[in-house]
């Protein structure tokens, strides 16, 4: 699934509720999910890691949508490699 389609799906599924919750609360949920991802990484459980990565991506899509920002457009910052040196792999000092 591409980022635009995923963001549209999250908007259709959770958009009204997330907008009612607000950006600040949605960012708090995103941070909580990042913490859960960190725990899954430490434990090394692939199924939990996959689950938490999905949750992080869903909350990131919600925040982007509430800010009226396209995740696809944001990801384009890295389309040419490192945004600073424009190299792949990065050659920044």
Protein backbone atom coordinates (compact mmCIF):
# COMPACT_ATOMS: atom_id res chain seq x y z
CA UNK A 1 0.00 0.00 0.00
CA UNK A 2 1.36 3.40 -0.90
CA UNK A 3 1.51 6.28 1.57
CA UNK A 4 -1.25 8.33 -0.05
CA UNK A 5 -3.67 5.43 -0.07
CA UNK A 6 -2.76 4.55 3.52
CA UNK A 7 -3.32 8.13 4.67
CA UNK A 8 -6.69 8.20 2.90
CA UNK A 9 -7.68 4.91 4.56
CA UNK A 10 -6.73 6.20 8.01
CA UNK A 11 -8.71 9.41 7.34
CA UNK A 12 -11.78 7.40 6.33
CA UNK A 13 -11.44 5.01 9.26
CA UNK A 14 -10.43 7.32 12.12
CA UNK A 15 -10.34 10.88 10.74
CA UNK A 16 -13.45 12.31 12.39
CA UNK A 17 -12.58 10.88 15.80
CA UNK A 18 -8.94 11.94 15.55
CA UNK A 19 -9.82 15.49 14.51
CA UNK A 20 -12.17 15.70 17.49
CA UNK A 21 -9.33 14.50 19.74
CA UNK A 22 -7.00 17.12 18.24
CA UNK A 23 -3.41 17.27 17.08
CA UNK A 24 -1.79 17.52 20.52
CA UNK A 25 -3.60 14.42 21.81
CA UNK A 26 -2.85 12.54 18.59
CA UNK A 27 0.84 13.38 18.91
CA UNK A 28 0.71 12.04 22.47
CA UNK A 29 -0.76 8.77 21.15
CA UNK A 30 1.97 8.66 18.49
CA UNK A 31 4.66 9.05 21.14
CA UNK A 32 3.04 6.32 23.24
CA UNK A 33 3.09 4.00 20.24
CA UNK A 34 6.77 4.83 19.65
CA UNK A 35 7.43 3.74 23.22
CA UNK A 36 5.63 0.47 22.57
CA UNK A 37 7.71 0.01 19.41
CA UNK A 38 10.88 0.57 21.44
CA UNK A 39 9.82 -2.17 23.85
CA UNK A 40 9.05 -4.54 20.98
CA UNK A 41 12.48 -3.86 19.47
CA UNK A 42 14.20 -4.53 22.81
CA UNK A 43 12.30 -7.80 23.24
CA UNK A 44 13.09 -8.88 19.68
CA UNK A 45 9.57 -10.19 18.96
CA UNK A 46 9.00 -9.73 15.22
CA UNK A 47 5.20 -10.02 15.45
CA UNK A 48 5.09 -7.28 18.11
CA UNK A 49 7.50 -5.13 16.08
CA UNK A 50 5.29 -5.42 13.00
CA UNK A 51 2.19 -4.60 15.06
CA UNK A 52 3.75 -1.54 16.68
CA UNK A 53 5.25 -0.26 13.42
CA UNK A 54 1.74 -0.37 11.96
CA UNK A 55 0.36 1.56 14.94
CA UNK A 56 3.11 4.19 14.66
CA UNK A 57 2.42 4.59 10.95
CA UNK A 58 -1.34 4.92 11.58
CA UNK A 59 -0.88 7.65 14.20
CA UNK A 60 1.68 9.42 12.00
CA UNK A 61 -0.88 9.40 9.16
CA UNK A 62 -3.49 10.83 11.53
CA UNK A 63 -1.22 13.66 12.66
CA UNK A 64 -0.23 14.44 9.06
CA UNK A 65 -3.86 14.48 8.01
CA UNK A 66 -4.83 16.82 10.85
CA UNK A 67 -1.99 19.14 9.82
CA UNK A 68 -3.16 18.90 6.20
CA UNK A 69 0.21 17.46 5.16
CA UNK A 70 0.70 14.63 2.69
CA UNK A 71 2.91 11.80 3.98
CA UNK A 72 3.90 11.14 0.38
CA UNK A 73 4.99 14.76 -0.01
CA UNK A 74 6.89 14.63 3.29
CA UNK A 75 8.65 11.42 2.22
CA UNK A 76 9.78 13.11 -1.01
CA UNK A 77 12.26 15.05 1.09
CA UNK A 78 14.38 11.89 0.91
CA UNK A 79 13.72 11.07 -2.77
CA UNK A 80 17.26 12.05 -3.79
CA UNK A 81 18.93 10.41 -0.80
CA UNK A 82 20.22 12.42 2.14
CA UNK A 83 18.51 15.83 2.17
CA UNK A 84 21.79 17.53 3.11
CA UNK A 85 24.40 15.93 0.86
CA UNK A 86 22.03 14.37 -1.72
CA UNK A 87 23.99 11.12 -1.58
CA UNK A 88 22.95 7.51 -1.12
CA UNK A 89 24.43 6.35 1.14
CA UNK A 90 24.75 9.55 3.12
CA UNK A 91 28.23 11.09 3.01
CA UNK A 92 27.68 13.80 5.63
CA UNK A 93 30.49 14.04 8.17
